[in-house]
């Protein structure tokens, strides 16, 4: 289960979680967005441009 802190957010993904492959993004203990890593779209909530950049970086680094 990767749990990564970056840019004031906590990115959490569970190995073996249901499809599609996704990550939960929290700020101050509240869910901000549930992000579909396969389609690059939000499943729940809204992602800012900054958060999208952070998500791209984490995927490129192989952390998500």
Foldseek 3Di string as FASTA:
>chain_A
DQWDDDPQKTWDFDPPDDDDGWIFIDHPRDTAFIARPVVRHTPDHDDDPVRSVVVVVCVVVVND
